[in-house]
N, C-alpha and C. Protein backbone atom coordinates (compact mmCIF):
# COMPACT_ATOMS: atom_id res chain seq x y z
N MET A 1 13.02 -20.80 -6.00
CA MET A 1 12.69 -19.89 -4.90
C MET A 1 13.53 -18.63 -5.05
N ASP A 2 12.88 -17.49 -4.91
CA ASP A 2 13.58 -16.21 -4.97
C ASP A 2 14.37 -15.89 -3.74
N LYS A 3 15.45 -15.19 -3.91
CA LYS A 3 16.26 -14.66 -2.78
C LYS A 3 16.05 -13.21 -2.65
N LEU A 4 15.68 -12.74 -1.46
CA LEU A 4 15.29 -11.30 -1.26
C LEU A 4 15.94 -10.81 0.03
N ILE A 5 16.45 -9.59 -0.05
CA ILE A 5 16.96 -8.87 1.09
C ILE A 5 16.37 -7.44 1.07
N PHE A 6 15.78 -7.05 2.22
CA PHE A 6 15.31 -5.71 2.41
C PHE A 6 16.45 -4.87 2.96
N ILE A 7 16.61 -3.63 2.46
CA ILE A 7 17.64 -2.75 2.97
C ILE A 7 17.04 -1.38 3.18
N ASP A 8 17.17 -0.87 4.42
CA ASP A 8 16.79 0.51 4.73
C ASP A 8 17.71 1.43 3.97
N ARG A 9 17.33 2.67 3.72
CA ARG A 9 18.15 3.57 2.97
C ARG A 9 19.10 4.45 3.81
N ASP A 10 18.52 5.42 4.50
CA ASP A 10 19.36 6.39 5.22
C ASP A 10 20.05 5.72 6.39
N GLY A 11 21.36 5.86 6.45
CA GLY A 11 22.16 5.27 7.51
C GLY A 11 22.61 3.83 7.21
N VAL A 12 22.17 3.34 6.09
CA VAL A 12 22.60 1.98 5.65
C VAL A 12 23.30 2.07 4.26
N ILE A 13 22.57 2.64 3.30
CA ILE A 13 23.11 2.81 1.97
C ILE A 13 23.84 4.14 1.88
N ASN A 14 23.24 5.17 2.44
CA ASN A 14 23.81 6.49 2.43
C ASN A 14 23.97 7.07 3.81
N ARG A 15 24.79 8.03 3.95
CA ARG A 15 25.06 8.66 5.26
C ARG A 15 23.73 9.14 5.86
N ASP A 16 23.55 8.96 7.15
CA ASP A 16 22.33 9.41 7.85
C ASP A 16 22.27 10.95 7.68
N PRO A 17 21.14 11.43 7.11
CA PRO A 17 21.02 12.86 6.87
C PRO A 17 20.92 13.68 8.13
N GLY A 18 20.55 13.10 9.25
CA GLY A 18 20.50 13.77 10.52
C GLY A 18 21.88 14.31 10.93
N GLU A 19 22.89 13.71 10.38
CA GLU A 19 24.27 14.17 10.69
C GLU A 19 24.74 15.29 9.83
N ILE A 20 24.06 15.54 8.69
CA ILE A 20 24.57 16.51 7.73
C ILE A 20 23.60 17.58 7.25
N THR A 21 22.31 17.37 7.52
CA THR A 21 21.34 18.36 7.03
C THR A 21 20.60 19.01 8.21
N ARG A 22 20.16 20.23 8.02
CA ARG A 22 19.42 20.96 9.00
C ARG A 22 18.07 20.30 9.30
N GLU A 23 17.44 19.79 8.23
CA GLU A 23 16.08 19.22 8.33
C GLU A 23 16.15 17.77 8.84
N GLY A 24 17.27 17.10 8.74
CA GLY A 24 17.31 15.64 9.11
C GLY A 24 16.87 14.71 8.01
N TYR A 25 16.72 15.25 6.80
CA TYR A 25 16.27 14.44 5.64
C TYR A 25 17.19 14.77 4.42
N VAL A 26 17.29 13.79 3.51
CA VAL A 26 17.97 14.05 2.24
C VAL A 26 16.90 14.79 1.36
N THR A 27 17.08 16.06 1.18
CA THR A 27 16.11 16.84 0.47
C THR A 27 16.63 17.23 -0.93
N ARG A 28 17.89 16.97 -1.19
CA ARG A 28 18.49 17.22 -2.49
C ARG A 28 19.63 16.25 -2.73
N TRP A 29 19.97 15.96 -3.93
CA TRP A 29 20.94 14.99 -4.29
C TRP A 29 22.33 15.27 -3.66
N GLU A 30 22.63 16.55 -3.52
CA GLU A 30 23.93 16.94 -2.95
C GLU A 30 24.10 16.47 -1.55
N ASP A 31 22.99 16.13 -0.86
CA ASP A 31 23.09 15.62 0.54
C ASP A 31 23.05 14.10 0.60
N PHE A 32 23.02 13.44 -0.54
CA PHE A 32 23.05 11.96 -0.57
C PHE A 32 24.47 11.51 -0.77
N HIS A 33 25.02 10.86 0.26
CA HIS A 33 26.42 10.38 0.21
C HIS A 33 26.47 8.88 0.48
N PHE A 34 26.80 8.09 -0.50
CA PHE A 34 26.91 6.66 -0.29
C PHE A 34 27.92 6.36 0.82
N LEU A 35 27.58 5.46 1.68
CA LEU A 35 28.51 5.01 2.71
C LEU A 35 29.56 4.11 2.07
N SER A 36 30.71 4.11 2.68
CA SER A 36 31.84 3.26 2.21
C SER A 36 31.39 1.81 2.17
N GLY A 37 31.64 1.19 1.03
CA GLY A 37 31.34 -0.25 0.85
C GLY A 37 29.90 -0.57 0.49
N ALA A 38 29.03 0.41 0.51
CA ALA A 38 27.58 0.18 0.20
C ALA A 38 27.41 -0.26 -1.26
N LEU A 39 27.99 0.43 -2.18
CA LEU A 39 27.82 0.09 -3.59
C LEU A 39 28.39 -1.29 -3.92
N GLU A 40 29.52 -1.61 -3.30
CA GLU A 40 30.13 -2.90 -3.50
C GLU A 40 29.25 -4.04 -2.90
N ALA A 41 28.62 -3.78 -1.77
CA ALA A 41 27.77 -4.77 -1.16
C ALA A 41 26.51 -5.03 -1.99
N ILE A 42 25.95 -3.95 -2.54
CA ILE A 42 24.78 -4.11 -3.42
C ILE A 42 25.16 -4.89 -4.67
N LYS A 43 26.31 -4.56 -5.26
CA LYS A 43 26.77 -5.30 -6.45
C LYS A 43 26.96 -6.77 -6.13
N TYR A 44 27.56 -7.08 -4.97
CA TYR A 44 27.79 -8.43 -4.57
C TYR A 44 26.48 -9.21 -4.49
N LEU A 45 25.46 -8.64 -3.85
CA LEU A 45 24.17 -9.27 -3.76
C LEU A 45 23.55 -9.45 -5.16
N THR A 46 23.68 -8.49 -6.01
CA THR A 46 23.16 -8.54 -7.36
C THR A 46 23.84 -9.69 -8.11
N ASP A 47 25.15 -9.78 -8.00
CA ASP A 47 25.89 -10.88 -8.64
C ASP A 47 25.48 -12.22 -8.15
N LYS A 48 25.02 -12.32 -6.86
CA LYS A 48 24.56 -13.60 -6.32
C LYS A 48 23.11 -13.90 -6.69
N GLY A 49 22.45 -13.02 -7.42
CA GLY A 49 21.07 -13.20 -7.84
C GLY A 49 20.04 -12.87 -6.77
N VAL A 50 20.44 -12.09 -5.79
CA VAL A 50 19.54 -11.66 -4.78
C VAL A 50 18.72 -10.44 -5.18
N LYS A 51 17.44 -10.50 -4.98
CA LYS A 51 16.59 -9.29 -5.24
C LYS A 51 16.69 -8.36 -4.03
N ILE A 52 16.90 -7.11 -4.29
CA ILE A 52 17.09 -6.12 -3.24
C ILE A 52 15.89 -5.17 -3.23
N ALA A 53 15.26 -5.05 -2.09
CA ALA A 53 14.12 -4.12 -1.95
C ALA A 53 14.60 -3.04 -0.96
N VAL A 54 14.64 -1.82 -1.39
CA VAL A 54 14.93 -0.69 -0.52
C VAL A 54 13.65 -0.25 0.11
N ILE A 55 13.62 -0.17 1.45
CA ILE A 55 12.44 0.26 2.17
C ILE A 55 12.83 1.34 3.14
N SER A 56 12.08 2.44 3.18
CA SER A 56 12.49 3.58 3.97
C SER A 56 11.32 4.45 4.38
N ASN A 57 11.30 4.84 5.66
CA ASN A 57 10.36 5.89 6.10
C ASN A 57 10.92 7.22 5.63
N GLN A 58 10.12 7.96 4.94
CA GLN A 58 10.50 9.30 4.47
C GLN A 58 9.44 10.33 4.83
N ALA A 59 9.28 10.52 6.14
CA ALA A 59 8.19 11.40 6.65
C ALA A 59 8.43 12.83 6.28
N GLY A 60 9.57 13.20 5.79
CA GLY A 60 9.81 14.59 5.35
C GLY A 60 8.83 15.06 4.29
N VAL A 61 8.36 14.06 3.47
CA VAL A 61 7.33 14.37 2.44
C VAL A 61 6.04 14.74 3.18
N GLY A 62 5.59 13.87 4.08
CA GLY A 62 4.37 14.14 4.83
C GLY A 62 4.41 15.41 5.60
N LYS A 63 5.63 15.81 6.07
CA LYS A 63 5.78 17.04 6.87
C LYS A 63 5.90 18.28 5.95
N GLY A 64 5.98 18.08 4.64
CA GLY A 64 6.05 19.15 3.72
C GLY A 64 7.44 19.74 3.60
N ILE A 65 8.48 19.02 4.07
CA ILE A 65 9.87 19.46 3.97
C ILE A 65 10.40 19.33 2.55
N TYR A 66 10.00 18.31 1.83
CA TYR A 66 10.31 18.09 0.43
C TYR A 66 9.14 17.38 -0.23
N THR A 67 9.13 17.32 -1.57
CA THR A 67 8.00 16.77 -2.29
C THR A 67 8.24 15.33 -2.72
N ASP A 68 7.15 14.67 -3.11
CA ASP A 68 7.24 13.37 -3.71
C ASP A 68 8.14 13.39 -4.95
N LYS A 69 8.00 14.46 -5.73
CA LYS A 69 8.80 14.64 -6.98
C LYS A 69 10.29 14.68 -6.67
N ARG A 70 10.64 15.43 -5.61
CA ARG A 70 12.07 15.52 -5.22
C ARG A 70 12.56 14.16 -4.72
N LEU A 71 11.75 13.48 -3.94
CA LEU A 71 12.12 12.13 -3.48
C LEU A 71 12.36 11.20 -4.69
N GLU A 72 11.51 11.27 -5.65
CA GLU A 72 11.64 10.46 -6.85
C GLU A 72 12.93 10.81 -7.63
N GLU A 73 13.24 12.10 -7.74
CA GLU A 73 14.50 12.52 -8.42
C GLU A 73 15.72 11.93 -7.65
N ILE A 74 15.73 12.08 -6.35
CA ILE A 74 16.83 11.52 -5.54
C ILE A 74 16.99 10.06 -5.77
N THR A 75 15.80 9.35 -5.72
CA THR A 75 15.80 7.89 -5.90
C THR A 75 16.36 7.50 -7.27
N GLU A 76 15.94 8.18 -8.34
CA GLU A 76 16.47 7.88 -9.68
C GLU A 76 17.96 8.04 -9.72
N LYS A 77 18.49 9.08 -9.14
CA LYS A 77 19.93 9.27 -9.14
C LYS A 77 20.62 8.22 -8.32
N MET A 78 20.07 7.79 -7.21
CA MET A 78 20.64 6.72 -6.41
C MET A 78 20.64 5.44 -7.20
N LEU A 79 19.54 5.13 -7.89
CA LEU A 79 19.47 3.87 -8.67
C LEU A 79 20.46 3.89 -9.83
N GLU A 80 20.63 5.06 -10.46
CA GLU A 80 21.60 5.18 -11.53
C GLU A 80 23.04 4.94 -11.06
N ARG A 81 23.39 5.50 -9.95
CA ARG A 81 24.74 5.26 -9.38
C ARG A 81 24.94 3.77 -9.04
N ILE A 82 23.89 3.17 -8.49
CA ILE A 82 23.99 1.75 -8.16
C ILE A 82 24.15 0.93 -9.44
N ARG A 83 23.39 1.26 -10.52
CA ARG A 83 23.54 0.58 -11.81
C ARG A 83 24.94 0.72 -12.35
N LEU A 84 25.49 1.94 -12.29
CA LEU A 84 26.82 2.20 -12.80
C LEU A 84 27.86 1.38 -12.05
N ALA A 85 27.62 1.12 -10.80
CA ALA A 85 28.55 0.31 -9.98
C ALA A 85 28.32 -1.18 -10.16
N GLY A 86 27.35 -1.59 -10.96
CA GLY A 86 27.09 -3.00 -11.23
C GLY A 86 25.99 -3.64 -10.39
N GLY A 87 25.33 -2.83 -9.58
CA GLY A 87 24.27 -3.35 -8.74
C GLY A 87 22.87 -3.12 -9.34
N ARG A 88 21.87 -3.73 -8.73
CA ARG A 88 20.50 -3.58 -9.21
C ARG A 88 19.55 -3.62 -8.07
N ILE A 89 18.64 -2.68 -8.00
CA ILE A 89 17.58 -2.68 -6.97
C ILE A 89 16.28 -3.14 -7.63
N TRP A 90 15.71 -4.16 -7.05
CA TRP A 90 14.45 -4.72 -7.60
C TRP A 90 13.28 -3.77 -7.40
N THR A 91 13.16 -3.22 -6.19
CA THR A 91 12.06 -2.30 -5.90
C THR A 91 12.48 -1.34 -4.82
N VAL A 92 11.88 -0.15 -4.84
CA VAL A 92 12.07 0.86 -3.79
C VAL A 92 10.68 1.21 -3.29
N ARG A 93 10.51 1.14 -1.97
CA ARG A 93 9.21 1.43 -1.39
C ARG A 93 9.43 2.38 -0.23
N TYR A 94 8.70 3.48 -0.26
CA TYR A 94 8.77 4.51 0.80
C TYR A 94 7.44 4.64 1.52
N CYS A 95 7.55 4.92 2.82
CA CYS A 95 6.40 5.45 3.56
C CYS A 95 6.65 6.97 3.67
N VAL A 96 5.74 7.77 3.15
CA VAL A 96 5.95 9.21 3.21
C VAL A 96 5.04 9.84 4.28
N HIS A 97 4.41 9.00 5.10
CA HIS A 97 3.53 9.50 6.15
C HIS A 97 4.28 9.87 7.41
N THR A 98 3.63 10.68 8.21
CA THR A 98 4.20 10.99 9.55
C THR A 98 3.71 9.95 10.54
N ALA A 99 4.29 9.92 11.71
CA ALA A 99 3.91 9.00 12.73
C ALA A 99 2.40 9.29 13.12
N ALA A 100 2.02 10.52 13.09
CA ALA A 100 0.66 10.86 13.49
C ALA A 100 -0.39 10.37 12.51
N ASP A 101 0.02 10.04 11.27
CA ASP A 101 -0.91 9.47 10.29
C ASP A 101 -1.37 8.05 10.63
N ASN A 102 -0.59 7.36 11.45
CA ASN A 102 -0.90 6.02 11.91
C ASN A 102 -1.21 5.07 10.70
N CYS A 103 -0.40 5.14 9.69
CA CYS A 103 -0.58 4.29 8.51
C CYS A 103 -0.08 2.86 8.75
N ASP A 104 -0.28 1.98 7.79
CA ASP A 104 0.15 0.62 7.94
C ASP A 104 1.56 0.40 7.32
N CYS A 105 2.12 1.44 6.63
CA CYS A 105 3.36 1.23 5.97
C CYS A 105 4.56 1.79 6.72
N ARG A 106 4.34 2.62 7.68
CA ARG A 106 5.48 3.22 8.44
C ARG A 106 6.10 2.19 9.39
N LYS A 107 7.40 1.91 9.15
CA LYS A 107 8.06 0.97 10.04
C LYS A 107 8.01 1.52 11.51
N PRO A 108 7.70 0.69 12.46
CA PRO A 108 7.91 -0.73 12.53
C PRO A 108 6.74 -1.61 12.01
N LYS A 109 5.72 -0.98 11.41
CA LYS A 109 4.69 -1.78 10.82
C LYS A 109 5.25 -2.44 9.56
N THR A 110 4.52 -3.40 9.00
CA THR A 110 5.11 -4.22 7.90
C THR A 110 4.53 -3.90 6.53
N GLY A 111 3.78 -2.84 6.40
CA GLY A 111 3.17 -2.48 5.13
C GLY A 111 4.11 -2.31 3.95
N LEU A 112 5.32 -1.86 4.20
CA LEU A 112 6.30 -1.76 3.12
C LEU A 112 6.86 -3.10 2.71
N LEU A 113 6.84 -4.05 3.64
CA LEU A 113 7.49 -5.33 3.38
C LEU A 113 6.56 -6.34 2.71
N MET A 114 5.36 -6.40 3.16
CA MET A 114 4.43 -7.50 2.78
C MET A 114 4.18 -7.59 1.27
N PRO A 115 4.00 -6.48 0.52
CA PRO A 115 3.75 -6.60 -0.92
C PRO A 115 4.90 -7.29 -1.60
N ALA A 116 6.16 -6.98 -1.23
CA ALA A 116 7.31 -7.61 -1.85
C ALA A 116 7.37 -9.09 -1.54
N ILE A 117 7.10 -9.45 -0.30
CA ILE A 117 7.08 -10.85 0.14
C ILE A 117 6.01 -11.64 -0.61
N LYS A 118 4.84 -11.02 -0.86
CA LYS A 118 3.75 -11.68 -1.57
C LYS A 118 4.03 -11.79 -3.06
N ASP A 119 4.79 -10.88 -3.62
CA ASP A 119 5.13 -10.88 -5.05
C ASP A 119 6.14 -11.99 -5.41
N LEU A 120 6.85 -12.47 -4.43
CA LEU A 120 7.92 -13.43 -4.70
C LEU A 120 7.66 -14.74 -3.95
N ASP A 121 8.30 -15.76 -4.38
CA ASP A 121 8.33 -17.03 -3.66
C ASP A 121 9.61 -17.07 -2.85
N VAL A 122 9.50 -16.59 -1.58
CA VAL A 122 10.69 -16.52 -0.72
C VAL A 122 10.60 -17.43 0.52
N ASN A 123 11.71 -17.80 0.96
CA ASN A 123 11.86 -18.53 2.25
C ASN A 123 12.10 -17.48 3.27
N LEU A 124 11.09 -17.16 4.14
CA LEU A 124 11.26 -16.12 5.13
C LEU A 124 12.45 -16.36 6.08
N ALA A 125 12.77 -17.59 6.34
CA ALA A 125 13.87 -17.92 7.23
C ALA A 125 15.24 -17.50 6.62
N LYS A 126 15.25 -17.30 5.30
CA LYS A 126 16.50 -16.91 4.58
C LYS A 126 16.31 -15.49 3.96
N THR A 127 15.32 -14.74 4.43
CA THR A 127 15.07 -13.40 3.95
C THR A 127 15.47 -12.44 5.10
N TYR A 128 16.24 -11.45 4.77
CA TYR A 128 16.81 -10.56 5.79
C TYR A 128 16.29 -9.11 5.60
N LEU A 129 16.28 -8.41 6.66
CA LEU A 129 16.10 -6.95 6.63
C LEU A 129 17.33 -6.37 7.30
N ILE A 130 17.98 -5.44 6.60
CA ILE A 130 19.15 -4.77 7.15
C ILE A 130 18.78 -3.32 7.37
N GLY A 131 18.95 -2.87 8.65
CA GLY A 131 18.58 -1.49 9.01
C GLY A 131 19.47 -0.91 10.11
N ASP A 132 19.27 0.32 10.37
CA ASP A 132 20.13 0.99 11.35
C ASP A 132 19.45 1.50 12.64
N LYS A 133 18.12 1.07 12.79
CA LYS A 133 17.43 1.52 13.98
C LYS A 133 16.44 0.51 14.44
N ARG A 134 15.95 0.75 15.64
CA ARG A 134 15.04 -0.20 16.28
C ARG A 134 13.77 -0.50 15.44
N THR A 135 13.22 0.53 14.80
CA THR A 135 12.00 0.33 14.01
C THR A 135 12.25 -0.64 12.85
N ASP A 136 13.46 -0.67 12.30
CA ASP A 136 13.78 -1.59 11.20
C ASP A 136 13.77 -3.02 11.72
N ILE A 137 14.40 -3.20 12.90
CA ILE A 137 14.50 -4.52 13.49
C ILE A 137 13.10 -5.05 13.86
N GLU A 138 12.30 -4.18 14.45
CA GLU A 138 10.95 -4.58 14.82
C GLU A 138 10.09 -4.93 13.57
N ALA A 139 10.22 -4.13 12.54
CA ALA A 139 9.44 -4.45 11.28
C ALA A 139 9.87 -5.80 10.70
N GLY A 140 11.16 -6.01 10.62
CA GLY A 140 11.64 -7.32 10.09
C GLY A 140 11.17 -8.49 10.95
N ASN A 141 11.26 -8.33 12.25
CA ASN A 141 10.84 -9.37 13.18
C ASN A 141 9.34 -9.69 12.99
N ARG A 142 8.53 -8.64 12.93
CA ARG A 142 7.08 -8.81 12.79
C ARG A 142 6.72 -9.49 11.46
N ALA A 143 7.55 -9.30 10.46
CA ALA A 143 7.29 -9.95 9.15
C ALA A 143 7.85 -11.34 9.08
N GLY A 144 8.54 -11.81 10.14
CA GLY A 144 9.13 -13.13 10.14
C GLY A 144 10.48 -13.26 9.49
N LEU A 145 11.19 -12.12 9.37
CA LEU A 145 12.48 -12.09 8.69
C LEU A 145 13.62 -12.16 9.69
N ARG A 146 14.79 -12.51 9.19
CA ARG A 146 16.04 -12.41 9.97
C ARG A 146 16.41 -10.93 9.91
N THR A 147 16.98 -10.39 10.98
CA THR A 147 17.27 -8.97 11.00
C THR A 147 18.73 -8.73 11.29
N VAL A 148 19.26 -7.68 10.65
CA VAL A 148 20.66 -7.26 10.76
C VAL A 148 20.67 -5.78 11.11
N LEU A 149 21.25 -5.44 12.24
CA LEU A 149 21.43 -4.02 12.58
C LEU A 149 22.82 -3.64 12.16
N VAL A 150 22.92 -2.50 11.46
CA VAL A 150 24.20 -1.92 11.12
C VAL A 150 24.43 -0.68 12.00
N LEU A 151 25.65 -0.45 12.38
CA LEU A 151 25.98 0.66 13.27
C LEU A 151 26.54 1.86 12.51
N SER A 152 26.00 2.04 11.29
CA SER A 152 26.53 3.11 10.43
C SER A 152 25.55 4.28 10.29
N GLY A 153 24.43 4.24 11.06
CA GLY A 153 23.40 5.26 10.94
C GLY A 153 23.00 5.75 12.31
N MET A 154 21.67 5.60 12.57
CA MET A 154 21.12 6.14 13.83
C MET A 154 21.65 5.40 15.05
N THR A 155 21.82 4.13 14.99
CA THR A 155 22.38 3.39 16.10
C THR A 155 23.88 3.24 15.90
N LYS A 156 24.64 3.72 16.89
CA LYS A 156 26.10 3.76 16.73
C LYS A 156 26.84 2.67 17.50
N THR A 157 26.20 2.15 18.58
CA THR A 157 26.92 1.14 19.37
C THR A 157 25.93 -0.04 19.67
N GLU A 158 26.49 -1.17 19.93
CA GLU A 158 25.71 -2.32 20.32
C GLU A 158 25.04 -2.11 21.66
N ASP A 159 25.67 -1.34 22.55
CA ASP A 159 25.09 -1.05 23.85
C ASP A 159 23.70 -0.38 23.77
N GLU A 160 23.47 0.37 22.68
CA GLU A 160 22.16 1.06 22.54
C GLU A 160 21.00 0.08 22.39
N THR A 161 21.29 -1.18 22.10
CA THR A 161 20.22 -2.17 21.88
C THR A 161 19.83 -2.90 23.17
N LYS A 162 20.49 -2.63 24.26
CA LYS A 162 20.30 -3.35 25.54
C LYS A 162 18.82 -3.35 25.93
N ASP A 163 18.13 -2.23 25.80
CA ASP A 163 16.75 -2.10 26.28
C ASP A 163 15.74 -2.34 25.18
N TRP A 164 16.16 -2.68 23.98
CA TRP A 164 15.20 -2.96 22.90
C TRP A 164 14.40 -4.20 23.22
N PRO A 165 13.10 -4.16 23.03
CA PRO A 165 12.30 -5.34 23.30
C PRO A 165 12.58 -6.48 22.28
N ILE A 166 12.94 -6.12 21.08
CA ILE A 166 13.26 -7.10 20.06
C ILE A 166 14.72 -6.86 19.62
N LYS A 167 15.52 -7.87 19.75
CA LYS A 167 16.96 -7.77 19.44
C LYS A 167 17.20 -8.18 17.99
N PRO A 168 18.20 -7.58 17.33
CA PRO A 168 18.57 -8.04 15.98
C PRO A 168 19.22 -9.40 16.05
N ASP A 169 19.10 -10.17 14.96
CA ASP A 169 19.78 -11.46 14.87
C ASP A 169 21.27 -11.30 14.72
N ILE A 170 21.67 -10.25 14.00
CA ILE A 170 23.08 -9.98 13.72
C ILE A 170 23.34 -8.48 13.92
N ILE A 171 24.50 -8.12 14.37
CA ILE A 171 24.89 -6.70 14.45
C ILE A 171 26.25 -6.58 13.77
N LYS A 172 26.33 -5.64 12.81
CA LYS A 172 27.58 -5.44 12.06
C LYS A 172 27.85 -3.96 11.94
N LYS A 173 29.07 -3.63 11.54
CA LYS A 173 29.52 -2.22 11.43
C LYS A 173 28.77 -1.48 10.34
N ASP A 174 28.56 -2.14 9.14
CA ASP A 174 27.99 -1.43 8.01
C ASP A 174 27.39 -2.46 7.04
N LEU A 175 26.85 -1.96 5.94
CA LEU A 175 26.21 -2.83 4.97
C LEU A 175 27.12 -3.87 4.37
N LYS A 176 28.35 -3.45 4.09
CA LYS A 176 29.33 -4.41 3.52
C LYS A 176 29.55 -5.59 4.49
N GLU A 177 29.78 -5.26 5.76
CA GLU A 177 30.04 -6.35 6.75
C GLU A 177 28.74 -7.17 6.92
N ALA A 178 27.58 -6.55 6.87
CA ALA A 178 26.31 -7.28 7.01
C ALA A 178 26.14 -8.26 5.89
N VAL A 179 26.38 -7.86 4.67
CA VAL A 179 26.27 -8.75 3.52
C VAL A 179 27.27 -9.86 3.57
N GLU A 180 28.51 -9.58 3.97
CA GLU A 180 29.52 -10.64 4.14
C GLU A 180 29.05 -11.69 5.15
N GLU A 181 28.47 -11.23 6.24
CA GLU A 181 28.01 -12.17 7.28
C GLU A 181 26.80 -12.99 6.77
N ILE A 182 25.88 -12.37 6.07
CA ILE A 182 24.73 -13.08 5.54
C ILE A 182 25.19 -14.18 4.59
N ILE A 183 26.10 -13.86 3.68
CA ILE A 183 26.61 -14.83 2.72
C ILE A 183 27.35 -15.95 3.44
N LYS A 184 28.12 -15.63 4.50
CA LYS A 184 28.81 -16.62 5.24
C LYS A 184 27.83 -17.58 5.95
N LYS A 185 26.76 -17.02 6.52
CA LYS A 185 25.76 -17.88 7.23
C LYS A 185 24.88 -18.72 6.28
N ASP A 186 24.52 -18.12 5.16
CA ASP A 186 23.59 -18.73 4.24
C ASP A 186 24.27 -18.86 2.83
N LYS A 187 25.04 -19.82 2.71
CA LYS A 187 25.85 -20.04 1.47
C LYS A 187 25.02 -20.13 0.21
N ASP A 188 23.78 -20.58 0.31
CA ASP A 188 22.96 -20.74 -0.86
C ASP A 188 22.13 -19.47 -1.21
N ILE A 189 22.40 -18.37 -0.49
CA ILE A 189 21.69 -17.16 -0.80
C ILE A 189 22.22 -16.49 -2.07
């Protein structure tokens, strides 16, 4: 049986671009800053044999703020840095649509998740989605996954989740702490 963890990108792997760019998107590599401990967490999962799927809404493409080609260039540089740090990403899936497009892949819908789940033999009860906002938690829940909210991106405090209709299974400071908690809870992951 395969081991799989979904990880959102902005606010989980890299600093939330809303904090550092005028557009609110990573539109160039210079604006992509790995969060502390993110590379180590990805390497740790890689060493444990976990397949990592990065899933992210990137509506800036659909809004014309940056191009598919630019998104691909940023992704390649991210993957190269992760490889150099000893980690490996199994797949990267983006939704480049805007909310108005009403597509099936924009989180909180599950269109980004389901192809990866179908491609592998996974135990959904031991498959996690790690994200930094309500839409991540809702998407993971709808797909039958365990969910982990990290407070390193859009959501900054646990109090912000009080009115969420779907609560995360786990709340941690960042990706590193989230991975440590997952490994502690599921020793065979």
